[in-house]
Amino acid sequence: MPSDSSIDHGQIAAMFVVLCTAIGFWLFMQTDNVGMLTTWFWAGIGLAGIYLLTTIANTLDELDAGY
């Protein structure tokens, strides 16, 4: 059943990117390797994309079930 609460999925996806970029920045400061920063940035983009695709799939399943 669908919930009545409104979740801001864009904010959650942005937090994935920000958190992963922060981890990458911290590792960049520790290792002096820019590759760490870009790798973690793209990991955040990937996690945000997976989260949004999962949300879309769950919404389509709810619509198909007739909620």
N, C-alpha and C. Protein backbone atom coordinates (compact mmCIF):
# COMPACT_ATOMS: atom_id res chain seq x y z
N MET A 1 0.84 -1.18 0.00
CA MET A 1 0.00 0.00 0.00
C MET A 1 0.88 1.25 0.00
N PRO A 2 0.43 2.26 -0.70
CA PRO A 2 1.23 3.49 -0.72
C PRO A 2 1.12 4.22 0.61
N SER A 3 2.18 4.87 0.97
CA SER A 3 2.16 5.65 2.20
C SER A 3 1.68 7.06 1.91
N ASP A 4 1.16 7.72 2.92
CA ASP A 4 0.67 9.08 2.76
C ASP A 4 1.78 10.11 2.93
N SER A 5 2.94 9.68 3.39
CA SER A 5 4.04 10.62 3.59
C SER A 5 4.69 10.97 2.26
N SER A 6 5.08 12.21 2.13
CA SER A 6 5.73 12.69 0.92
C SER A 6 7.24 12.68 1.13
N ILE A 7 7.94 11.86 0.38
CA ILE A 7 9.39 11.76 0.48
C ILE A 7 10.00 12.53 -0.67
N ASP A 8 10.97 13.37 -0.36
CA ASP A 8 11.67 14.12 -1.40
C ASP A 8 12.82 13.25 -1.92
N HIS A 9 12.55 12.51 -2.99
CA HIS A 9 13.54 11.58 -3.52
C HIS A 9 14.75 12.30 -4.11
N GLY A 10 14.55 13.49 -4.63
CA GLY A 10 15.68 14.25 -5.17
C GLY A 10 16.68 14.63 -4.09
N GLN A 11 16.16 14.97 -2.91
CA GLN A 11 17.04 15.33 -1.81
C GLN A 11 17.85 14.12 -1.34
N ILE A 12 17.22 12.96 -1.29
CA ILE A 12 17.92 11.74 -0.88
C ILE A 12 19.00 11.40 -1.91
N ALA A 13 18.66 11.50 -3.19
CA ALA A 13 19.65 11.21 -4.24
C ALA A 13 20.82 12.19 -4.18
N ALA A 14 20.52 13.46 -3.92
CA ALA A 14 21.60 14.45 -3.80
C ALA A 14 22.49 14.15 -2.60
N MET A 15 21.91 13.64 -1.54
CA MET A 15 22.71 13.30 -0.36
C MET A 15 23.67 12.15 -0.65
N PHE A 16 23.25 11.19 -1.50
CA PHE A 16 24.16 10.12 -1.92
C PHE A 16 25.39 10.73 -2.59
N VAL A 17 25.16 11.66 -3.51
CA VAL A 17 26.26 12.27 -4.25
C VAL A 17 27.15 13.09 -3.32
N VAL A 18 26.53 13.88 -2.44
CA VAL A 18 27.30 14.73 -1.52
C VAL A 18 28.12 13.88 -0.56
N LEU A 19 27.51 12.84 0.00
CA LEU A 19 28.22 11.99 0.95
C LEU A 19 29.41 11.28 0.29
N CYS A 20 29.18 10.71 -0.88
CA CYS A 20 30.27 10.02 -1.57
C CYS A 20 31.37 10.99 -2.00
N THR A 21 30.99 12.20 -2.41
CA THR A 21 31.99 13.20 -2.78
C THR A 21 32.79 13.63 -1.56
N ALA A 22 32.13 13.74 -0.40
CA ALA A 22 32.85 14.09 0.83
C ALA A 22 33.85 13.01 1.20
N ILE A 23 33.46 11.75 1.05
CA ILE A 23 34.40 10.65 1.31
C ILE A 23 35.57 10.73 0.34
N GLY A 24 35.28 10.99 -0.93
CA GLY A 24 36.33 11.13 -1.93
C GLY A 24 37.25 12.30 -1.64
N PHE A 25 36.69 13.41 -1.16
CA PHE A 25 37.52 14.57 -0.83
C PHE A 25 38.43 14.26 0.35
N TRP A 26 37.88 13.56 1.35
CA TRP A 26 38.70 13.18 2.50
C TRP A 26 39.84 12.26 2.07
N LEU A 27 39.54 11.28 1.21
CA LEU A 27 40.59 10.39 0.72
C LEU A 27 41.60 11.14 -0.14
N PHE A 28 41.13 12.11 -0.92
CA PHE A 28 42.03 12.94 -1.72
C PHE A 28 43.00 13.69 -0.82
N MET A 29 42.49 14.22 0.29
CA MET A 29 43.36 14.95 1.21
C MET A 29 44.38 14.02 1.87
N GLN A 30 43.99 12.77 2.10
CA GLN A 30 44.89 11.82 2.74
C GLN A 30 45.96 11.30 1.78
N THR A 31 45.59 11.06 0.53
CA THR A 31 46.49 10.41 -0.41
C THR A 31 47.08 11.34 -1.47
N ASP A 32 46.53 12.56 -1.60
CA ASP A 32 46.95 13.51 -2.64
C ASP A 32 46.79 12.89 -4.03
N ASN A 33 45.67 12.20 -4.23
CA ASN A 33 45.37 11.54 -5.49
C ASN A 33 43.97 11.97 -5.93
N VAL A 34 43.88 12.75 -7.01
CA VAL A 34 42.60 13.27 -7.48
C VAL A 34 41.69 12.15 -7.95
N GLY A 35 42.26 11.02 -8.33
CA GLY A 35 41.46 9.89 -8.77
C GLY A 35 40.48 9.40 -7.72
N MET A 36 40.86 9.51 -6.46
CA MET A 36 39.95 9.12 -5.37
C MET A 36 38.70 9.99 -5.37
N LEU A 37 38.90 11.29 -5.57
CA LEU A 37 37.77 12.22 -5.57
C LEU A 37 36.81 11.93 -6.71
N THR A 38 37.34 11.75 -7.92
CA THR A 38 36.47 11.49 -9.06
C THR A 38 35.81 10.12 -8.97
N THR A 39 36.53 9.14 -8.46
CA THR A 39 35.94 7.80 -8.31
C THR A 39 34.76 7.83 -7.36
N TRP A 40 34.92 8.47 -6.22
CA TRP A 40 33.82 8.52 -5.25
C TRP A 40 32.68 9.40 -5.72
N PHE A 41 32.98 10.45 -6.51
CA PHE A 41 31.91 11.26 -7.09
C PHE A 41 31.04 10.41 -8.00
N TRP A 42 31.69 9.63 -8.89
CA TRP A 42 30.93 8.79 -9.80
C TRP A 42 30.22 7.65 -9.07
N ALA A 43 30.80 7.18 -7.98
CA ALA A 43 30.11 6.17 -7.16
C ALA A 43 28.83 6.77 -6.59
N GLY A 44 28.88 8.02 -6.16
CA GLY A 44 27.68 8.70 -5.66
C GLY A 44 26.63 8.86 -6.73
N ILE A 45 27.06 9.22 -7.94
CA ILE A 45 26.12 9.34 -9.06
C ILE A 45 25.46 7.98 -9.32
N GLY A 46 26.26 6.92 -9.30
CA GLY A 46 25.72 5.58 -9.54
C GLY A 46 24.73 5.15 -8.47
N LEU A 47 25.06 5.39 -7.21
CA LEU A 47 24.14 5.04 -6.12
C LEU A 47 22.85 5.84 -6.20
N ALA A 48 22.95 7.12 -6.53
CA ALA A 48 21.76 7.95 -6.68
C ALA A 48 20.89 7.44 -7.83
N GLY A 49 21.52 7.06 -8.94
CA GLY A 49 20.77 6.51 -10.07
C GLY A 49 20.07 5.22 -9.72
N ILE A 50 20.75 4.34 -9.02
CA ILE A 50 20.13 3.08 -8.61
C ILE A 50 18.97 3.34 -7.67
N TYR A 51 19.14 4.27 -6.73
CA TYR A 51 18.06 4.61 -5.81
C TYR A 51 16.84 5.13 -6.57
N LEU A 52 17.05 6.05 -7.51
CA LEU A 52 15.93 6.62 -8.25
C LEU A 52 15.26 5.59 -9.15
N LEU A 53 16.04 4.71 -9.79
CA LEU A 53 15.44 3.66 -10.62
C LEU A 53 14.63 2.68 -9.78
N THR A 54 15.11 2.36 -8.58
CA THR A 54 14.36 1.48 -7.69
C THR A 54 13.06 2.14 -7.25
N THR A 55 13.11 3.43 -6.97
CA THR A 55 11.90 4.16 -6.59
C THR A 55 10.88 4.16 -7.72
N ILE A 56 11.35 4.38 -8.94
CA ILE A 56 10.46 4.36 -10.10
C ILE A 56 9.85 2.97 -10.28
N ALA A 57 10.66 1.93 -10.15
CA ALA A 57 10.16 0.56 -10.31
C ALA A 57 9.12 0.23 -9.25
N ASN A 58 9.37 0.63 -8.01
CA ASN A 58 8.40 0.36 -6.95
C ASN A 58 7.10 1.12 -7.18
N THR A 59 7.19 2.35 -7.67
CA THR A 59 5.99 3.13 -7.96
C THR A 59 5.19 2.49 -9.09
N LEU A 60 5.87 2.02 -10.12
CA LEU A 60 5.17 1.35 -11.22
C LEU A 60 4.50 0.06 -10.75
N ASP A 61 5.14 -0.68 -9.86
CA ASP A 61 4.53 -1.89 -9.30
C ASP A 61 3.27 -1.55 -8.51
N GLU A 62 3.31 -0.46 -7.75
CA GLU A 62 2.14 -0.04 -6.99
C GLU A 62 1.01 0.37 -7.92
N LEU A 63 1.34 1.09 -9.00
CA LEU A 63 0.32 1.49 -9.96
C LEU A 63 -0.29 0.27 -10.66
N ASP A 64 0.55 -0.70 -10.97
CA ASP A 64 0.08 -1.92 -11.63
C ASP A 64 -0.82 -2.73 -10.70
N ALA A 65 -0.54 -2.68 -9.41
CA ALA A 65 -1.35 -3.43 -8.45
C ALA A 65 -2.67 -2.72 -8.15
N GLY A 66 -2.82 -1.50 -8.61
CA GLY A 66 -4.08 -0.80 -8.46
C GLY A 66 -4.20 0.06 -7.22
N TYR A 67 -3.10 0.46 -6.65
CA TYR A 67 -3.18 1.32 -5.46
C TYR A 67 -3.51 2.69 -5.89
